């Protein structure tokens, strides 16, 4: 499997939906809110000057295989979802009506994330996700490592990540990149390990 890495900020607007589709496979809260939230999140992320990330592209087919994303303040990306008030109200009402427990989890997560505010000179590995057909070949680990290398270049001293306790593959990849578990916590329905690594 040969592939190339590209910066997420350089992705074409035609290819960004592919990132959203890959992310929808993830079992996290953003995916549960639905595709419109996922796509809007990544549209905002690539415009944010402080975020950075990469996507992997299959050299033979040109298909996007996976991506990674980092931010020094992940909560700011979530807040940006509310900037277009009409869009947000329209879409969140759909969530409240069709998936009320997801809305409740969103409220719990927004409170919990405040307890994970970050030290100066640190960055968060927000996501690294790989399309299932490309998993098991170390691509997720490479994508996360690319964030670590870029974070170091940008002068960050430490990187954090949160990984679901059931997600053994992501946990192993993260630990293989030098992260260590510093605590395990509950966030509503989610049970997560909090990890950190020096850069």
N, C-alpha and C. Protein backbone atom coordinates (compact mmCIF):
# COMPACT_ATOMS: atom_id res chain seq x y z
N UNK A 1 0.85 -1.19 0.00
CA UNK A 1 0.00 0.00 0.00
C UNK A 1 0.88 1.24 0.00
N UNK A 2 0.88 1.95 -1.10
CA UNK A 2 1.63 3.20 -1.15
C UNK A 2 0.65 4.36 -1.06
N UNK A 3 1.08 5.37 -0.34
CA UNK A 3 0.21 6.52 -0.13
C UNK A 3 1.06 7.77 0.08
N UNK A 4 0.42 8.90 -0.03
CA UNK A 4 1.10 10.17 0.22
C UNK A 4 0.29 10.96 1.24
N UNK A 5 0.99 11.83 1.96
CA UNK A 5 0.35 12.69 2.95
C UNK A 5 0.27 14.11 2.40
N UNK A 6 -0.85 14.77 2.71
CA UNK A 6 -1.05 16.15 2.29
C UNK A 6 -1.62 16.93 3.46
N UNK A 7 -1.38 18.24 3.50
CA UNK A 7 -1.93 19.03 4.59
C UNK A 7 -3.44 19.18 4.39
N UNK A 8 -4.16 19.06 5.49
CA UNK A 8 -5.62 19.12 5.44
C UNK A 8 -6.11 20.48 4.94
N UNK A 9 -5.36 21.53 5.23
CA UNK A 9 -5.78 22.87 4.80
C UNK A 9 -5.76 23.02 3.27
N UNK A 10 -5.01 22.16 2.59
CA UNK A 10 -4.92 22.23 1.12
C UNK A 10 -5.96 21.35 0.42
N UNK A 11 -6.82 20.70 1.19
CA UNK A 11 -7.79 19.81 0.57
C UNK A 11 -8.80 20.62 -0.26
N UNK A 12 -9.22 20.06 -1.37
CA UNK A 12 -10.20 20.77 -2.22
C UNK A 12 -11.59 20.69 -1.58
N UNK A 13 -12.42 21.67 -1.90
CA UNK A 13 -13.78 21.67 -1.35
C UNK A 13 -14.55 20.44 -1.83
N UNK A 14 -14.19 19.90 -3.00
CA UNK A 14 -14.83 18.68 -3.51
C UNK A 14 -14.46 17.44 -2.71
N UNK A 15 -13.26 17.47 -2.10
CA UNK A 15 -12.78 16.30 -1.35
C UNK A 15 -13.13 16.35 0.13
N UNK A 16 -13.48 17.53 0.62
CA UNK A 16 -13.78 17.64 2.05
C UNK A 16 -14.94 16.74 2.49
N UNK A 17 -15.99 16.55 1.67
CA UNK A 17 -17.04 15.60 2.07
C UNK A 17 -16.52 14.18 2.32
N UNK A 18 -15.45 13.79 1.64
CA UNK A 18 -14.87 12.47 1.87
C UNK A 18 -14.30 12.38 3.30
N UNK A 19 -13.69 13.47 3.77
CA UNK A 19 -13.20 13.51 5.16
C UNK A 19 -14.39 13.33 6.10
N UNK A 20 -15.48 14.06 5.82
CA UNK A 20 -16.68 13.94 6.66
C UNK A 20 -17.24 12.52 6.63
N UNK A 21 -17.24 11.88 5.47
CA UNK A 21 -17.74 10.50 5.35
C UNK A 21 -16.90 9.54 6.19
N UNK A 22 -15.59 9.69 6.12
CA UNK A 22 -14.71 8.83 6.92
C UNK A 22 -14.98 9.06 8.40
N UNK A 23 -15.15 10.33 8.77
CA UNK A 23 -15.39 10.63 10.17
C UNK A 23 -16.72 10.06 10.66
N UNK A 24 -17.72 9.99 9.79
CA UNK A 24 -19.03 9.46 10.18
C UNK A 24 -18.94 8.01 10.64
N UNK A 25 -17.89 7.30 10.25
CA UNK A 25 -17.69 5.91 10.66
C UNK A 25 -17.34 5.86 12.15
N UNK A 26 -16.73 6.94 12.64
CA UNK A 26 -16.33 7.06 14.04
C UNK A 26 -17.58 7.01 14.93
N UNK A 27 -17.43 6.47 16.13
CA UNK A 27 -18.59 6.33 17.02
C UNK A 27 -18.72 7.49 18.00
N UNK A 28 -17.99 8.56 17.79
CA UNK A 28 -17.98 9.67 18.72
C UNK A 28 -19.19 10.58 18.61
N UNK A 29 -19.23 11.55 19.49
CA UNK A 29 -20.37 12.45 19.59
C UNK A 29 -20.60 13.27 18.33
N UNK A 30 -19.54 13.79 17.73
CA UNK A 30 -19.70 14.60 16.53
C UNK A 30 -20.43 13.81 15.44
N UNK A 31 -20.05 12.57 15.25
CA UNK A 31 -20.71 11.71 14.25
C UNK A 31 -22.18 11.48 14.60
N UNK A 32 -22.46 11.31 15.88
CA UNK A 32 -23.83 11.07 16.31
C UNK A 32 -24.72 12.29 16.09
N UNK A 33 -24.13 13.49 16.08
CA UNK A 33 -24.91 14.70 15.78
C UNK A 33 -25.37 14.70 14.34
N UNK A 34 -24.61 14.03 13.46
CA UNK A 34 -25.04 13.89 12.07
C UNK A 34 -24.10 14.55 11.07
N UNK A 35 -24.25 14.15 9.83
CA UNK A 35 -23.37 14.59 8.74
C UNK A 35 -23.28 16.12 8.61
N UNK A 36 -24.39 16.86 8.69
CA UNK A 36 -24.25 18.32 8.56
C UNK A 36 -23.30 18.92 9.59
N UNK A 37 -23.33 18.41 10.83
CA UNK A 37 -22.42 18.91 11.87
C UNK A 37 -20.97 18.52 11.56
N UNK A 38 -20.78 17.30 11.09
CA UNK A 38 -19.43 16.83 10.77
C UNK A 38 -18.82 17.67 9.65
N UNK A 39 -19.56 17.84 8.57
CA UNK A 39 -19.03 18.62 7.45
C UNK A 39 -18.75 20.06 7.87
N UNK A 40 -19.67 20.68 8.59
CA UNK A 40 -19.47 22.06 9.03
C UNK A 40 -18.25 22.17 9.96
N UNK A 41 -18.07 21.17 10.83
CA UNK A 41 -16.92 21.14 11.75
C UNK A 41 -15.61 21.19 10.97
N UNK A 42 -15.50 20.34 9.93
CA UNK A 42 -14.25 20.30 9.17
C UNK A 42 -14.09 21.51 8.25
N UNK A 43 -15.18 22.06 7.79
CA UNK A 43 -15.10 23.33 7.04
C UNK A 43 -14.50 24.41 7.94
N UNK A 44 -14.97 24.47 9.17
CA UNK A 44 -14.43 25.45 10.13
C UNK A 44 -12.98 25.15 10.50
N UNK A 45 -12.68 23.87 10.67
CA UNK A 45 -11.33 23.48 11.10
C UNK A 45 -10.27 23.88 10.08
N UNK A 46 -10.56 23.70 8.79
CA UNK A 46 -9.52 24.03 7.81
C UNK A 46 -9.36 25.54 7.63
N UNK A 47 -10.35 26.31 8.09
CA UNK A 47 -10.23 27.78 8.04
C UNK A 47 -9.53 28.34 9.27
N UNK A 48 -9.51 27.58 10.34
CA UNK A 48 -8.93 28.05 11.59
C UNK A 48 -7.40 28.07 11.48
N UNK A 49 -6.80 29.21 11.75
CA UNK A 49 -5.36 29.36 11.59
C UNK A 49 -4.55 28.48 12.53
N UNK A 50 -5.09 28.16 13.69
CA UNK A 50 -4.31 27.41 14.68
C UNK A 50 -4.40 25.91 14.51
N UNK A 51 -5.40 25.41 13.80
CA UNK A 51 -5.52 23.97 13.62
C UNK A 51 -4.60 23.50 12.50
N UNK A 52 -4.22 22.25 12.56
CA UNK A 52 -3.43 21.66 11.48
C UNK A 52 -3.74 20.17 11.41
N UNK A 53 -3.55 19.61 10.25
CA UNK A 53 -3.84 18.20 10.07
C UNK A 53 -3.37 17.71 8.73
N UNK A 54 -3.57 16.44 8.50
CA UNK A 54 -3.08 15.78 7.29
C UNK A 54 -4.11 14.77 6.81
N UNK A 55 -4.07 14.48 5.52
CA UNK A 55 -4.86 13.36 5.01
C UNK A 55 -3.95 12.49 4.17
N UNK A 56 -4.27 11.19 4.19
CA UNK A 56 -3.51 10.20 3.42
C UNK A 56 -4.30 9.86 2.17
N UNK A 57 -3.58 9.77 1.06
CA UNK A 57 -4.22 9.50 -0.23
C UNK A 57 -3.56 8.28 -0.87
N UNK A 58 -4.36 7.35 -1.32
CA UNK A 58 -3.85 6.16 -1.99
C UNK A 58 -3.17 6.56 -3.29
N UNK A 59 -1.93 6.13 -3.47
CA UNK A 59 -1.16 6.53 -4.65
C UNK A 59 -1.74 5.95 -5.94
N UNK A 60 -2.37 4.80 -5.85
CA UNK A 60 -2.92 4.18 -7.05
C UNK A 60 -4.28 4.72 -7.46
N UNK A 61 -5.18 4.81 -6.49
CA UNK A 61 -6.57 5.20 -6.81
C UNK A 61 -6.86 6.68 -6.58
N UNK A 62 -6.02 7.33 -5.78
CA UNK A 62 -6.28 8.73 -5.43
C UNK A 62 -7.30 8.89 -4.32
N UNK A 63 -7.81 7.76 -3.80
CA UNK A 63 -8.83 7.83 -2.75
C UNK A 63 -8.23 8.32 -1.44
N UNK A 64 -8.97 9.14 -0.71
CA UNK A 64 -8.55 9.58 0.62
C UNK A 64 -8.79 8.42 1.58
N UNK A 65 -7.73 8.08 2.33
CA UNK A 65 -7.74 6.89 3.16
C UNK A 65 -8.02 7.18 4.63
N UNK A 66 -7.64 8.36 5.07
CA UNK A 66 -7.79 8.73 6.47
C UNK A 66 -7.26 10.13 6.69
N UNK A 67 -7.40 10.61 7.91
CA UNK A 67 -6.96 11.98 8.20
C UNK A 67 -6.61 12.12 9.68
N UNK A 68 -5.95 13.22 10.00
CA UNK A 68 -5.66 13.57 11.39
C UNK A 68 -5.87 15.07 11.55
N UNK A 69 -6.17 15.48 12.78
CA UNK A 69 -6.45 16.89 13.06
C UNK A 69 -5.98 17.22 14.47
N UNK A 70 -5.35 18.39 14.61
CA UNK A 70 -4.90 18.86 15.93
C UNK A 70 -5.25 20.33 16.10
N UNK A 71 -5.45 20.70 17.36
CA UNK A 71 -5.77 22.09 17.69
C UNK A 71 -5.29 22.41 19.10
N UNK A 72 -4.80 23.63 19.32
CA UNK A 72 -4.43 24.02 20.69
C UNK A 72 -5.66 24.32 21.55
N UNK A 73 -6.81 24.49 20.92
CA UNK A 73 -8.04 24.78 21.66
C UNK A 73 -9.23 24.13 20.95
N UNK A 74 -9.41 22.82 21.13
CA UNK A 74 -10.47 22.10 20.42
C UNK A 74 -11.86 22.64 20.68
N UNK A 75 -12.10 23.17 21.88
CA UNK A 75 -13.44 23.68 22.19
C UNK A 75 -13.83 24.84 21.27
N UNK A 76 -12.83 25.58 20.76
CA UNK A 76 -13.15 26.69 19.86
C UNK A 76 -13.75 26.18 18.54
N UNK A 77 -13.35 24.98 18.12
CA UNK A 77 -13.91 24.41 16.89
C UNK A 77 -15.37 24.04 17.10
N UNK A 78 -15.69 23.55 18.29
CA UNK A 78 -17.07 23.20 18.60
C UNK A 78 -17.93 24.46 18.68
N UNK A 79 -17.40 25.50 19.31
CA UNK A 79 -18.13 26.76 19.45
C UNK A 79 -18.45 27.35 18.07
N UNK A 80 -17.56 27.17 17.12
CA UNK A 80 -17.79 27.72 15.77
C UNK A 80 -19.01 27.13 15.10
N UNK A 81 -19.44 25.96 15.55
CA UNK A 81 -20.66 25.35 14.98
C UNK A 81 -21.89 26.21 15.27
N UNK A 82 -21.81 27.04 16.30
CA UNK A 82 -22.97 27.86 16.69
C UNK A 82 -22.94 29.26 16.07
N UNK A 83 -21.90 29.60 15.31
CA UNK A 83 -21.77 30.96 14.80
C UNK A 83 -22.90 31.34 13.84
N UNK A 84 -23.28 30.44 12.96
CA UNK A 84 -24.42 30.69 12.09
C UNK A 84 -25.65 30.23 12.86
N UNK A 85 -26.28 31.17 13.56
CA UNK A 85 -27.36 30.83 14.49
C UNK A 85 -28.52 30.11 13.82
N UNK A 86 -28.93 30.59 12.65
CA UNK A 86 -30.07 29.95 11.96
C UNK A 86 -29.74 28.50 11.61
N UNK A 87 -28.55 28.28 11.05
CA UNK A 87 -28.13 26.92 10.69
C UNK A 87 -28.09 26.04 11.93
N UNK A 88 -27.48 26.55 13.01
CA UNK A 88 -27.32 25.75 14.22
C UNK A 88 -28.67 25.39 14.83
N UNK A 89 -29.55 26.38 14.99
CA UNK A 89 -30.86 26.13 15.61
C UNK A 89 -31.65 25.11 14.79
N UNK A 90 -31.66 25.29 13.47
CA UNK A 90 -32.40 24.38 12.59
C UNK A 90 -31.90 22.93 12.76
N UNK A 91 -30.57 22.78 12.78
CA UNK A 91 -30.00 21.43 12.85
C UNK A 91 -30.05 20.83 14.25
N UNK A 92 -29.91 21.67 15.27
CA UNK A 92 -29.94 21.11 16.63
C UNK A 92 -31.36 20.72 17.02
N UNK A 93 -32.36 21.42 16.48
CA UNK A 93 -33.75 21.02 16.74
C UNK A 93 -34.01 19.62 16.17
N UNK A 94 -33.45 19.34 14.99
CA UNK A 94 -33.59 18.00 14.41
C UNK A 94 -32.99 16.94 15.33
N UNK A 95 -31.83 17.27 15.92
CA UNK A 95 -31.18 16.33 16.84
C UNK A 95 -32.05 16.14 18.08
N UNK A 96 -32.57 17.23 18.65
CA UNK A 96 -33.39 17.14 19.86
C UNK A 96 -34.62 16.26 19.62
N UNK A 97 -35.22 16.42 18.45
CA UNK A 97 -36.44 15.67 18.14
C UNK A 97 -36.15 14.20 17.83
N UNK A 98 -35.10 13.96 17.04
CA UNK A 98 -34.84 12.59 16.58
C UNK A 98 -33.88 11.81 17.46
N UNK A 99 -32.97 12.51 18.15
CA UNK A 99 -31.96 11.83 18.97
C UNK A 99 -31.73 12.61 20.27
N UNK A 100 -32.75 12.67 21.16
CA UNK A 100 -32.62 13.49 22.38
C UNK A 100 -31.46 13.09 23.28
N UNK A 101 -31.11 11.80 23.31
CA UNK A 101 -29.99 11.37 24.16
C UNK A 101 -28.66 11.90 23.63
N UNK A 102 -28.56 12.07 22.33
CA UNK A 102 -27.35 12.66 21.74
C UNK A 102 -27.24 14.11 22.16
N UNK A 103 -28.35 14.81 22.17
CA UNK A 103 -28.35 16.21 22.63
C UNK A 103 -27.93 16.29 24.10
N UNK A 104 -28.45 15.40 24.92
CA UNK A 104 -28.06 15.36 26.33
C UNK A 104 -26.57 15.10 26.47
N UNK A 105 -26.04 14.17 25.67
CA UNK A 105 -24.61 13.88 25.71
C UNK A 105 -23.80 15.11 25.29
N UNK A 106 -24.31 15.86 24.33
CA UNK A 106 -23.62 17.07 23.89
C UNK A 106 -23.49 18.06 25.05
N UNK A 107 -24.54 18.21 25.84
CA UNK A 107 -24.50 19.10 26.99
C UNK A 107 -23.48 18.61 28.02
N UNK A 108 -23.47 17.30 28.29
CA UNK A 108 -22.52 16.73 29.24
C UNK A 108 -21.09 16.93 28.75
N UNK A 109 -20.85 16.67 27.47
CA UNK A 109 -19.50 16.81 26.91
C UNK A 109 -19.03 18.26 26.94
N UNK A 110 -19.94 19.20 26.69
CA UNK A 110 -19.52 20.60 26.69
C UNK A 110 -19.09 21.05 28.08
N UNK A 111 -19.68 20.46 29.10
CA UNK A 111 -19.26 20.77 30.48
C UNK A 111 -17.94 20.07 30.80
N UNK A 112 -17.83 18.81 30.41
CA UNK A 112 -16.63 18.03 30.71
C UNK A 112 -15.38 18.61 30.06
N UNK A 113 -15.52 19.08 28.81
CA UNK A 113 -14.35 19.57 28.08
C UNK A 113 -13.74 20.80 28.75
N UNK A 114 -14.57 21.53 29.50
CA UNK A 114 -14.04 22.69 30.22
C UNK A 114 -13.02 22.29 31.26
N UNK A 115 -13.16 21.06 31.76
CA UNK A 115 -12.21 20.55 32.75
C UNK A 115 -10.92 20.05 32.12
N UNK A 116 -10.83 20.12 30.80
CA UNK A 116 -9.62 19.67 30.10
C UNK A 116 -8.98 20.82 29.35
N UNK A 117 -9.01 21.99 29.94
CA UNK A 117 -8.37 23.12 29.28
C UNK A 117 -6.87 22.90 29.32
N UNK A 118 -6.22 23.50 28.40
CA UNK A 118 -4.86 23.10 28.09
C UNK A 118 -3.84 24.10 28.59
N UNK A 119 -2.69 23.58 28.91
CA UNK A 119 -1.58 24.41 29.35
C UNK A 119 -1.04 25.20 28.16
N UNK A 120 -0.29 26.27 28.43
CA UNK A 120 0.37 26.96 27.31
C UNK A 120 1.32 26.00 26.59
N UNK A 121 1.52 26.22 25.32
CA UNK A 121 2.45 25.43 24.50
C UNK A 121 2.06 23.96 24.38
N UNK A 122 0.75 23.68 24.45
CA UNK A 122 0.29 22.31 24.25
C UNK A 122 -0.76 22.28 23.13
N UNK A 123 -0.92 21.11 22.56
CA UNK A 123 -1.88 20.93 21.46
C UNK A 123 -2.61 19.61 21.69
N UNK A 124 -3.81 19.52 21.14
CA UNK A 124 -4.63 18.31 21.28
C UNK A 124 -4.70 17.57 19.95
N UNK A 125 -4.44 16.27 19.98
CA UNK A 125 -4.74 15.42 18.83
C UNK A 125 -6.25 15.19 18.88
N UNK A 126 -6.99 15.96 18.10
CA UNK A 126 -8.45 15.92 18.17
C UNK A 126 -8.97 14.64 17.52
N UNK A 127 -8.49 14.35 16.31
CA UNK A 127 -8.94 13.15 15.60
C UNK A 127 -7.80 12.55 14.79
N UNK A 128 -7.78 11.24 14.70
CA UNK A 128 -7.06 10.53 13.63
C UNK A 128 -7.91 9.32 13.30
N UNK A 129 -8.43 9.31 12.09
CA UNK A 129 -9.41 8.31 11.68
C UNK A 129 -9.03 7.75 10.31
N UNK A 130 -9.19 6.45 10.17
CA UNK A 130 -8.84 5.76 8.92
C UNK A 130 -10.06 4.99 8.43
N UNK A 131 -10.30 5.04 7.13
CA UNK A 131 -11.36 4.26 6.51
C UNK A 131 -11.12 2.78 6.87
N UNK A 132 -12.17 2.06 7.29
CA UNK A 132 -11.99 0.66 7.72
C UNK A 132 -11.23 -0.22 6.72
N UNK A 133 -11.37 0.02 5.42
CA UNK A 133 -10.70 -0.87 4.47
C UNK A 133 -9.18 -0.66 4.43
N UNK A 134 -8.71 0.43 5.06
CA UNK A 134 -7.27 0.69 5.11
C UNK A 134 -6.68 0.49 6.51
N UNK A 135 -7.48 -0.03 7.41
CA UNK A 135 -7.00 -0.20 8.79
C UNK A 135 -6.12 -1.43 8.93
N UNK A 136 -5.38 -1.46 10.02
CA UNK A 136 -4.53 -2.61 10.33
C UNK A 136 -3.18 -2.57 9.66
N UNK A 137 -2.84 -1.42 9.04
CA UNK A 137 -1.55 -1.32 8.34
C UNK A 137 -0.66 -0.21 8.90
N UNK A 138 -1.07 0.36 10.05
CA UNK A 138 -0.25 1.39 10.69
C UNK A 138 -0.50 2.80 10.20
N UNK A 139 -1.53 2.98 9.36
CA UNK A 139 -1.79 4.30 8.80
C UNK A 139 -2.23 5.30 9.86
N UNK A 140 -3.08 4.86 10.80
CA UNK A 140 -3.52 5.74 11.87
C UNK A 140 -2.34 6.25 12.69
N UNK A 141 -1.42 5.34 12.98
CA UNK A 141 -0.24 5.73 13.74
C UNK A 141 0.58 6.77 12.97
N UNK A 142 0.73 6.56 11.66
CA UNK A 142 1.47 7.53 10.83
C UNK A 142 0.79 8.90 10.83
N UNK A 143 -0.53 8.89 10.72
CA UNK A 143 -1.28 10.15 10.68
C UNK A 143 -1.12 10.91 12.00
N UNK A 144 -1.19 10.17 13.11
CA UNK A 144 -1.01 10.83 14.40
C UNK A 144 0.43 11.33 14.56
N UNK A 145 1.39 10.54 14.10
CA UNK A 145 2.80 10.93 14.19
C UNK A 145 3.04 12.21 13.39
N UNK A 146 2.35 12.36 12.27
CA UNK A 146 2.51 13.58 11.47
C UNK A 146 2.06 14.80 12.25
N UNK A 147 1.01 14.64 13.07
CA UNK A 147 0.58 15.75 13.93
C UNK A 147 1.65 16.09 14.95
N UNK A 148 2.26 15.06 15.52
CA UNK A 148 3.30 15.28 16.53
C UNK A 148 4.49 16.01 15.93
N UNK A 149 4.90 15.60 14.74
CA UNK A 149 6.04 16.26 14.08
C UNK A 149 5.72 17.71 13.76
N UNK A 150 4.50 17.96 13.27
CA UNK A 150 4.11 19.33 12.94
C UNK A 150 3.97 20.17 14.21
N UNK A 151 3.43 19.58 15.25
CA UNK A 151 3.31 20.30 16.52
C UNK A 151 4.67 20.73 17.06
N UNK A 152 5.64 19.82 16.94
CA UNK A 152 7.00 20.14 17.38
C UNK A 152 7.57 21.30 16.57
N UNK A 153 7.35 21.27 15.25
CA UNK A 153 7.83 22.36 14.38
C UNK A 153 7.21 23.69 14.77
N UNK A 154 5.96 23.64 15.22
CA UNK A 154 5.25 24.87 15.59
C UNK A 154 5.59 25.35 16.99
N UNK A 155 6.43 24.62 17.68
CA UNK A 155 6.88 25.06 19.00
C UNK A 155 6.09 24.54 20.17
N UNK A 156 5.16 23.62 19.94
CA UNK A 156 4.43 23.04 21.06
C UNK A 156 5.33 22.08 21.82
N UNK A 157 5.14 22.01 23.11
CA UNK A 157 6.00 21.18 23.97
C UNK A 157 5.34 19.85 24.36
N UNK A 158 4.02 19.80 24.28
CA UNK A 158 3.31 18.61 24.72
C UNK A 158 2.06 18.44 23.87
N UNK A 159 1.64 17.17 23.68
CA UNK A 159 0.42 16.88 22.94
C UNK A 159 -0.45 15.96 23.79
N UNK A 160 -1.76 16.20 23.76
CA UNK A 160 -2.74 15.40 24.49
C UNK A 160 -3.64 14.66 23.51
N UNK A 161 -4.29 13.61 24.00
CA UNK A 161 -5.29 12.88 23.23
C UNK A 161 -6.24 12.20 24.20
N UNK A 162 -7.47 11.99 23.77
CA UNK A 162 -8.44 11.19 24.52
C UNK A 162 -8.89 10.05 23.62
N UNK A 163 -8.86 8.84 24.14
CA UNK A 163 -9.19 7.64 23.36
C UNK A 163 -10.20 6.81 24.15
N UNK A 164 -11.24 6.35 23.47
CA UNK A 164 -12.23 5.48 24.11
C UNK A 164 -11.54 4.23 24.67
N UNK A 165 -11.95 3.80 25.86
CA UNK A 165 -11.31 2.63 26.47
C UNK A 165 -11.50 1.36 25.63
N UNK A 166 -12.61 1.28 24.88
CA UNK A 166 -12.86 0.09 24.05
C UNK A 166 -12.05 0.09 22.76
N UNK A 167 -11.52 1.26 22.37
CA UNK A 167 -10.85 1.39 21.08
C UNK A 167 -9.37 0.97 21.21
N UNK A 168 -9.16 -0.31 21.28
CA UNK A 168 -7.82 -0.88 21.54
C UNK A 168 -6.85 -0.51 20.42
N UNK A 169 -7.31 -0.53 19.16
CA UNK A 169 -6.40 -0.21 18.05
C UNK A 169 -5.89 1.22 18.15
N UNK A 170 -6.78 2.18 18.42
CA UNK A 170 -6.34 3.58 18.55
C UNK A 170 -5.46 3.76 19.78
N UNK A 171 -5.79 3.07 20.85
CA UNK A 171 -4.99 3.17 22.07
C UNK A 171 -3.58 2.64 21.83
N UNK A 172 -3.47 1.50 21.14
CA UNK A 172 -2.15 0.92 20.85
C UNK A 172 -1.33 1.85 19.94
N UNK A 173 -1.99 2.42 18.92
CA UNK A 173 -1.29 3.34 18.01
C UNK A 173 -0.80 4.55 18.76
N UNK A 174 -1.65 5.09 19.64
CA UNK A 174 -1.29 6.28 20.40
C UNK A 174 -0.13 5.98 21.36
N UNK A 175 -0.20 4.86 22.03
CA UNK A 175 0.89 4.49 22.94
C UNK A 175 2.17 4.19 22.18
N UNK A 176 2.05 3.61 21.00
CA UNK A 176 3.24 3.34 20.18
C UNK A 176 3.93 4.63 19.76
N UNK A 177 3.15 5.73 19.70
CA UNK A 177 3.73 7.03 19.37
C UNK A 177 4.30 7.75 20.60
N UNK A 178 4.32 7.05 21.75
CA UNK A 178 4.97 7.62 22.93
C UNK A 178 4.03 8.26 23.94
N UNK A 179 2.72 8.17 23.71
CA UNK A 179 1.77 8.70 24.68
C UNK A 179 1.68 7.78 25.89
N UNK A 180 1.35 8.35 27.03
CA UNK A 180 1.09 7.55 28.23
C UNK A 180 -0.25 7.97 28.82
N UNK A 181 -0.94 7.02 29.39
CA UNK A 181 -2.23 7.31 30.02
C UNK A 181 -1.98 8.07 31.31
N UNK A 182 -2.65 9.22 31.46
CA UNK A 182 -2.51 9.99 32.70
C UNK A 182 -3.76 9.89 33.58
N UNK A 183 -4.89 9.54 32.98
CA UNK A 183 -6.09 9.28 33.76
C UNK A 183 -7.15 8.65 32.88
N UNK A 184 -8.16 8.09 33.51
CA UNK A 184 -9.31 7.53 32.80
C UNK A 184 -10.55 8.18 33.39
N UNK A 185 -11.47 8.60 32.53
CA UNK A 185 -12.60 9.39 33.01
C UNK A 185 -13.87 9.04 32.25
N UNK A 186 -14.99 9.44 32.83
CA UNK A 186 -16.30 9.28 32.19
C UNK A 186 -16.76 10.62 31.66
N UNK A 187 -17.40 10.57 30.49
CA UNK A 187 -18.00 11.76 29.89
C UNK A 187 -19.37 11.33 29.38
N UNK A 188 -20.33 11.25 30.30
CA UNK A 188 -21.64 10.71 29.93
C UNK A 188 -21.51 9.24 29.57
N UNK A 189 -21.90 8.88 28.35
CA UNK A 189 -21.83 7.48 27.92
C UNK A 189 -20.42 7.05 27.55
N UNK A 190 -19.52 8.02 27.41
CA UNK A 190 -18.17 7.70 26.97
C UNK A 190 -17.25 7.44 28.16
N UNK A 191 -16.40 6.43 28.00
CA UNK A 191 -15.39 6.09 29.00
C UNK A 191 -14.04 6.19 28.30
N UNK A 192 -13.22 7.16 28.71
CA UNK A 192 -12.04 7.51 27.93
C UNK A 192 -10.76 7.50 28.75
N UNK A 193 -9.67 7.21 28.03
CA UNK A 193 -8.33 7.40 28.57
C UNK A 193 -7.85 8.78 28.12
N UNK A 194 -7.24 9.49 29.04
CA UNK A 194 -6.59 10.76 28.71
C UNK A 194 -5.09 10.47 28.64
N UNK A 195 -4.47 10.84 27.51
CA UNK A 195 -3.06 10.53 27.29
C UNK A 195 -2.28 11.79 26.96
N UNK A 196 -0.97 11.74 27.21
CA UNK A 196 -0.10 12.86 26.87
C UNK A 196 1.24 12.36 26.40
N UNK A 197 1.93 13.22 25.64
CA UNK A 197 3.29 12.91 25.21
C UNK A 197 4.07 14.21 25.08
N UNK A 198 5.33 14.16 25.43
CA UNK A 198 6.22 15.28 25.19
C UNK A 198 6.49 15.37 23.70
N UNK A 199 6.73 16.57 23.20
CA UNK A 199 7.07 16.74 21.80
C UNK A 199 8.54 17.13 21.67
